[in-house]
Amino acid sequence: MRLIRLYQDLDNLYTGATITLSESANHKLINVLRVKPQQSIEIFNTNHQCFLGVITKITKKTVHVLLKS
């Protein structure tokens, strides 16, 4: 399985943070890609930060990701 990469317009990403993704990213992950908890994804932003994250929780409209490294 390929690693999913997502852009998030968040400035202060750091290892150990749990983030809630944007509405468009939530839709894409839940309805299009049909991700599951514990799946790895890569999050990047405009500050050239890139983090490997793990999906910790999925509800009907939100995805929560724990940033690992």
Protein backbone atom coordinates (compact mmCIF):
# COMPACT_ATOMS: atom_id res chain seq x y z
CA MET A 1 0.00 0.00 0.00
CA ARG A 2 1.27 3.47 -0.88
CA LEU A 3 1.88 6.09 1.75
CA ILE A 4 -0.75 8.85 1.59
CA ARG A 5 0.70 12.40 1.64
CA LEU A 6 -1.47 15.34 2.70
CA TYR A 7 -0.86 19.07 2.82
CA GLN A 8 -2.21 20.83 5.92
CA ASP A 9 -2.16 24.61 6.38
CA LEU A 10 -0.87 24.36 9.94
CA ASP A 11 2.20 26.34 11.04
CA ASN A 12 3.22 24.72 14.31
CA LEU A 13 3.50 21.00 13.68
CA TYR A 14 5.66 19.04 16.10
CA THR A 15 6.37 15.44 17.04
CA GLY A 16 3.83 14.11 19.52
CA ALA A 17 1.05 16.51 18.50
CA THR A 18 -2.41 15.16 17.71
CA ILE A 19 -4.05 17.14 14.95
CA THR A 20 -7.50 17.19 13.40
CA LEU A 21 -7.31 17.43 9.63
CA SER A 22 -9.05 19.99 7.41
CA GLU A 23 -12.58 19.37 6.15
CA SER A 24 -11.41 18.57 2.61
CA ALA A 25 -8.71 16.19 3.86
CA ASN A 26 -11.25 14.48 6.12
CA HIS A 27 -13.60 13.93 3.19
CA LYS A 28 -10.83 12.56 0.99
CA LEU A 29 -9.50 10.17 3.64
CA ILE A 30 -12.87 8.92 4.92
CA ASN A 31 -14.99 8.75 1.76
CA VAL A 32 -12.53 8.40 -1.11
CA LEU A 33 -9.48 6.57 0.25
CA ARG A 34 -11.37 4.80 3.07
CA VAL A 35 -8.53 4.86 5.57
CA LYS A 36 -8.61 2.93 8.83
CA PRO A 37 -7.26 3.66 12.32
CA GLN A 38 -3.56 2.86 12.79
CA GLN A 39 -2.84 3.58 9.11
CA SER A 40 0.25 5.71 8.45
CA ILE A 41 0.09 8.96 6.49
CA GLU A 42 2.53 11.76 5.78
CA ILE A 43 1.63 15.36 6.66
CA PHE A 44 3.49 18.39 5.26
CA ASN A 45 3.04 22.17 5.39
CA THR A 46 4.33 25.40 3.84
CA ASN A 47 7.18 25.63 6.39
CA HIS A 48 8.84 22.62 4.75
CA GLN A 49 7.98 20.43 7.72
CA CYS A 50 7.12 16.83 6.98
CA PHE A 51 5.87 14.32 9.55
CA LEU A 52 4.96 10.68 9.51
CA GLY A 53 1.65 10.32 11.34
CA VAL A 54 -0.66 7.55 12.47
CA ILE A 55 -4.44 7.85 12.30
CA THR A 56 -5.66 7.49 15.87
CA LYS A 57 -9.39 8.14 15.55
CA ILE A 58 -11.97 8.40 12.78
CA THR A 59 -15.51 9.69 13.25
CA LYS A 60 -18.14 10.40 10.59
CA LYS A 61 -16.57 13.73 9.68
CA THR A 62 -13.14 13.96 11.35
CA VAL A 63 -9.79 12.25 11.27
CA HIS A 64 -7.30 12.62 14.13
CA VAL A 65 -3.60 12.03 13.45
CA LEU A 66 -0.72 11.59 15.91
CA LEU A 67 2.49 13.02 14.46
CA LYS A 68 5.38 10.64 15.08
CA SER A 69 8.48 11.97 13.33
